[in-house]
Protein backbone atom coordinates (compact mmCIF):
# COMPACT_ATOMS: atom_id res chain seq x y z
CA MET A 1 6.02 79.17 84.08
CA LEU A 2 2.81 78.23 86.34
CA ALA A 3 0.12 78.72 83.12
CA MET A 4 1.91 76.33 81.33
CA GLN A 5 2.63 73.14 83.75
CA PRO A 6 0.44 70.66 84.33
CA ARG A 7 0.65 70.34 87.10
CA VAL A 8 1.90 72.29 89.84
CA TRP A 9 3.16 71.82 94.04
CA LEU A 10 2.04 73.84 96.38
CA PRO A 11 4.15 73.11 99.42
CA GLU A 12 2.91 73.79 103.01
CA LYS A 13 5.04 76.44 104.05
CA LEU A 14 6.91 79.05 101.41
CA GLU A 15 10.05 80.97 102.82
CA SER A 16 10.91 83.52 100.00
CA ALA A 17 13.95 83.63 103.01
CA ALA A 18 16.92 81.84 104.45
CA SER A 19 15.37 80.65 107.99
CA ARG A 20 17.50 81.33 111.02
CA ARG A 21 18.93 78.00 111.42
CA GLU A 22 20.49 77.98 107.86
CA ILE A 23 22.11 81.43 108.05
CA ILE A 24 23.72 80.57 111.82
CA LEU A 25 25.56 77.07 110.26
CA THR A 26 26.63 79.11 107.44
CA THR A 27 28.05 81.58 109.79
CA ALA A 28 29.69 79.77 112.10
CA LEU A 29 30.99 77.43 109.28
CA SER A 30 32.42 80.40 107.43
CA GLY A 31 34.80 81.18 111.05
CA LEU A 32 35.61 78.06 111.59
CA PHE A 33 36.95 77.98 107.69
CA CYS A 34 38.46 81.23 108.69
CA SER A 35 40.06 80.42 111.54
CA ALA A 36 41.39 76.69 110.16
CA SER A 37 43.28 78.83 107.12
CA VAL A 38 44.27 81.16 109.77
CA LEU A 39 45.59 78.16 111.68
CA TRP A 40 47.16 76.62 108.51
CA MET A 41 48.97 80.25 107.17
CA THR A 42 50.29 80.66 111.05
CA GLY A 43 52.42 77.35 110.82
CA LEU A 44 50.10 75.67 113.73
CA LYS A 45 48.56 73.36 111.39
CA GLU A 46 50.01 69.38 113.78
CA GLY A 47 49.09 71.60 116.96
CA PRO A 48 45.25 70.31 118.45
CA ALA A 49 43.49 73.68 117.61
CA PHE A 50 44.06 72.60 114.17
CA TRP A 51 42.46 69.31 114.31
CA VAL A 52 39.82 70.87 117.28
CA VAL A 53 38.40 73.37 114.16
CA ALA A 54 38.23 70.86 111.36
CA LEU A 55 36.42 68.42 114.13
CA LEU A 56 34.22 71.22 114.35
CA CYS A 57 33.43 71.77 110.12
CA THR A 58 33.41 68.95 109.65
CA GLY A 59 30.43 68.11 112.58
CA LEU A 60 28.68 71.51 111.21
CA ILE A 61 28.17 70.00 107.43
CA VAL A 62 27.34 67.18 107.87
CA LEU A 63 24.63 68.60 111.24
CA ALA A 64 23.75 71.15 107.53
CA MET A 65 23.33 67.76 105.61
CA HIS A 66 21.08 65.97 107.95
CA LEU A 67 18.90 69.47 108.28
CA GLN A 68 18.51 69.66 104.55
CA TRP A 69 18.15 66.06 104.19
CA ARG A 70 15.36 66.12 106.79
CA GLY A 71 13.75 68.84 105.31
CA ARG A 72 12.98 67.36 101.98
CA GLN A 73 11.98 63.85 103.56
CA ALA A 74 9.45 65.80 105.36
CA ARG A 75 7.17 66.66 101.79
CA ARG A 76 3.22 68.36 103.10
CA GLY A 77 1.03 70.26 100.56
CA TRP A 78 -1.03 69.84 97.78
CA VAL A 79 -0.66 68.32 94.00
CA VAL A 80 -2.71 71.27 91.62
CA ASP A 81 -3.61 68.93 88.72
CA PHE A 82 -4.92 71.48 85.93
CA GLN A 83 -5.96 68.95 83.72
CA GLN A 84 -8.41 67.17 85.94
CA GLY A 85 -8.96 69.83 88.08
CA SER A 86 -8.23 68.73 91.29
CA LEU A 87 -6.04 69.02 94.48
CA THR A 88 -4.48 66.34 95.98
CA PRO A 89 -2.90 66.44 99.12
CA VAL A 90 0.59 64.64 99.91
CA GLY A 91 1.37 64.23 103.67
CA LEU A 92 -1.06 66.31 105.34
CA ALA A 93 -3.30 64.25 107.40
CA GLN A 94 -6.93 63.34 107.24
CA ARG A 95 -7.52 65.21 103.67
CA GLU A 96 -8.79 64.04 100.79
CA ARG A 97 -8.58 65.08 96.99
CA ILE A 98 -10.17 67.85 96.41
CA GLN A 99 -12.22 68.08 92.82
CA MET A 100 -13.01 71.43 91.64
CA ASP A 101 -16.54 72.66 90.91
CA PRO A 102 -16.64 75.77 89.47
CA ALA A 103 -19.63 77.05 90.39
CA GLN A 104 -18.96 75.52 93.78
CA TYR A 105 -15.07 77.13 94.37
CA SER A 106 -12.78 80.32 94.53
CA LEU A 107 -8.94 81.01 95.96
CA GLY A 108 -8.02 83.31 97.91
CA CYS A 109 -4.96 85.38 99.18
CA TYR A 110 -5.53 86.71 103.08
CA PRO A 111 -2.39 88.21 105.34
CA ALA A 112 -1.81 85.20 107.56
CA ALA A 113 0.30 87.30 109.85
CA THR A 114 3.05 90.20 110.28
CA ARG A 115 6.45 89.43 111.11
CA GLU A 116 10.15 91.84 112.45
CA THR A 117 11.32 89.62 108.33
CA GLY A 118 8.34 90.10 106.97
CA ALA A 119 4.88 89.02 106.63
CA SER A 120 2.89 86.59 105.84
CA PHE A 121 -0.02 85.29 103.34
CA LEU A 122 -2.67 82.41 103.46
CA LEU A 123 -3.79 80.54 99.77
CA GLU A 124 -7.51 79.23 101.13
CA LEU A 125 -9.62 77.51 98.94
CA ARG A 126 -13.73 77.94 99.56
CA HIS A 127 -16.56 76.55 99.32
CA VAL A 128 -19.54 79.04 98.56
CA ARG A 129 -21.44 77.47 101.64
CA ARG A 130 -18.94 75.04 103.40
CA GLY A 131 -16.75 78.94 103.59
CA PRO A 132 -12.40 78.01 104.22
CA VAL A 133 -11.88 74.08 103.19
CA ALA A 134 -7.67 74.26 102.99
CA ALA A 135 -5.84 76.51 103.65
CA LEU A 136 -2.83 75.84 100.32
CA THR A 137 0.06 77.08 101.68
CA LEU A 138 1.48 80.48 103.55
CA VAL A 139 3.71 82.28 101.66
CA HIS A 140 6.15 84.59 103.53
CA LEU A 141 7.56 87.80 101.49
CA THR A 142 10.61 89.46 102.99
CA SER A 143 10.62 92.99 103.83
CA ARG A 144 13.65 93.83 101.77
CA PRO A 145 11.66 92.76 97.67
CA PHE A 146 8.10 93.31 99.51
CA GLN A 147 6.21 95.20 96.57
CA ARG A 148 7.73 93.13 93.67
CA ASN A 149 6.94 89.61 95.58
CA LEU A 150 3.46 91.23 96.88
CA ARG A 151 2.62 91.52 92.66
CA ILE A 152 4.26 88.42 91.80
CA LEU A 153 2.29 86.70 94.17
CA ASP A 154 -0.92 88.32 93.47
CA ARG A 155 -0.66 87.24 89.65
CA CYS A 156 0.12 83.19 90.59
CA VAL A 157 -3.10 84.19 92.36
CA ASP A 158 -4.92 85.03 89.48
CA THR A 159 -3.41 82.43 88.05
CA LEU A 160 -4.10 79.65 90.07
CA ALA A 161 -7.86 80.65 89.82
CA GLU A 162 -7.74 81.21 86.15
CA ARG A 163 -6.16 77.37 85.77
CA LEU A 164 -8.86 75.88 87.86
CA ARG A 165 -11.32 77.69 86.11
CA ILE A 166 -12.97 78.72 89.89
CA ARG A 167 -13.31 82.16 90.72
CA ARG A 168 -10.84 84.35 92.90
CA SER A 169 -12.22 85.57 96.07
CA GLY A 170 -10.87 88.96 98.07
CA ALA A 171 -9.87 91.08 97.24
CA PRO A 172 -6.31 91.97 94.93
CA LEU A 173 -3.46 92.13 97.22
CA LEU A 174 -2.71 95.60 98.11
CA THR A 175 0.26 97.03 96.60
CA GLY A 176 -0.03 100.74 98.79
CA THR A 177 1.27 101.32 101.77
CA ASP A 178 -0.81 99.98 103.60
CA VAL A 179 0.21 96.50 103.56
CA PRO A 180 1.35 95.21 107.40
CA HIS A 181 4.11 94.56 107.06
CA ALA A 182 8.43 94.86 108.50
CA HIS A 183 10.16 98.40 107.77
């Protein structure tokens, strides 16, 4: 897909796993739905306990919808235009459009952080003389399908560099046991 698109969106952060907030909300909502079902089946649907559970369910659903909507409003990242060879910032203060000169730029992907849930990698645009000029996206990989996701990320970086007609800086991402990630 990446090899054929005229433009791609690189979000500021790319998470491969559900956030803790989503997990907590889903768990709480599931528990409340189970409680409502038990109250309904035992004939307590007329009592105050059922209506308290129903109101809590409604509140959590509204909260989840609000968080989802708010997350979509905060669109920050880069539009990569392969035909024009440019990167255009979206929602990033004090950033300007970058026009690629193949002899002047390179694309690298480097380990950024290790957490108990996996490791993060920074996709970075570098200038031959000025060094790092733009942190394009922070990719968080989970520890479960870590090696497979790492290979996919490595291929994506190669494809982005190739499509922008710039070289890849740094070594390919490690795929052995010396990769920093949670065990």
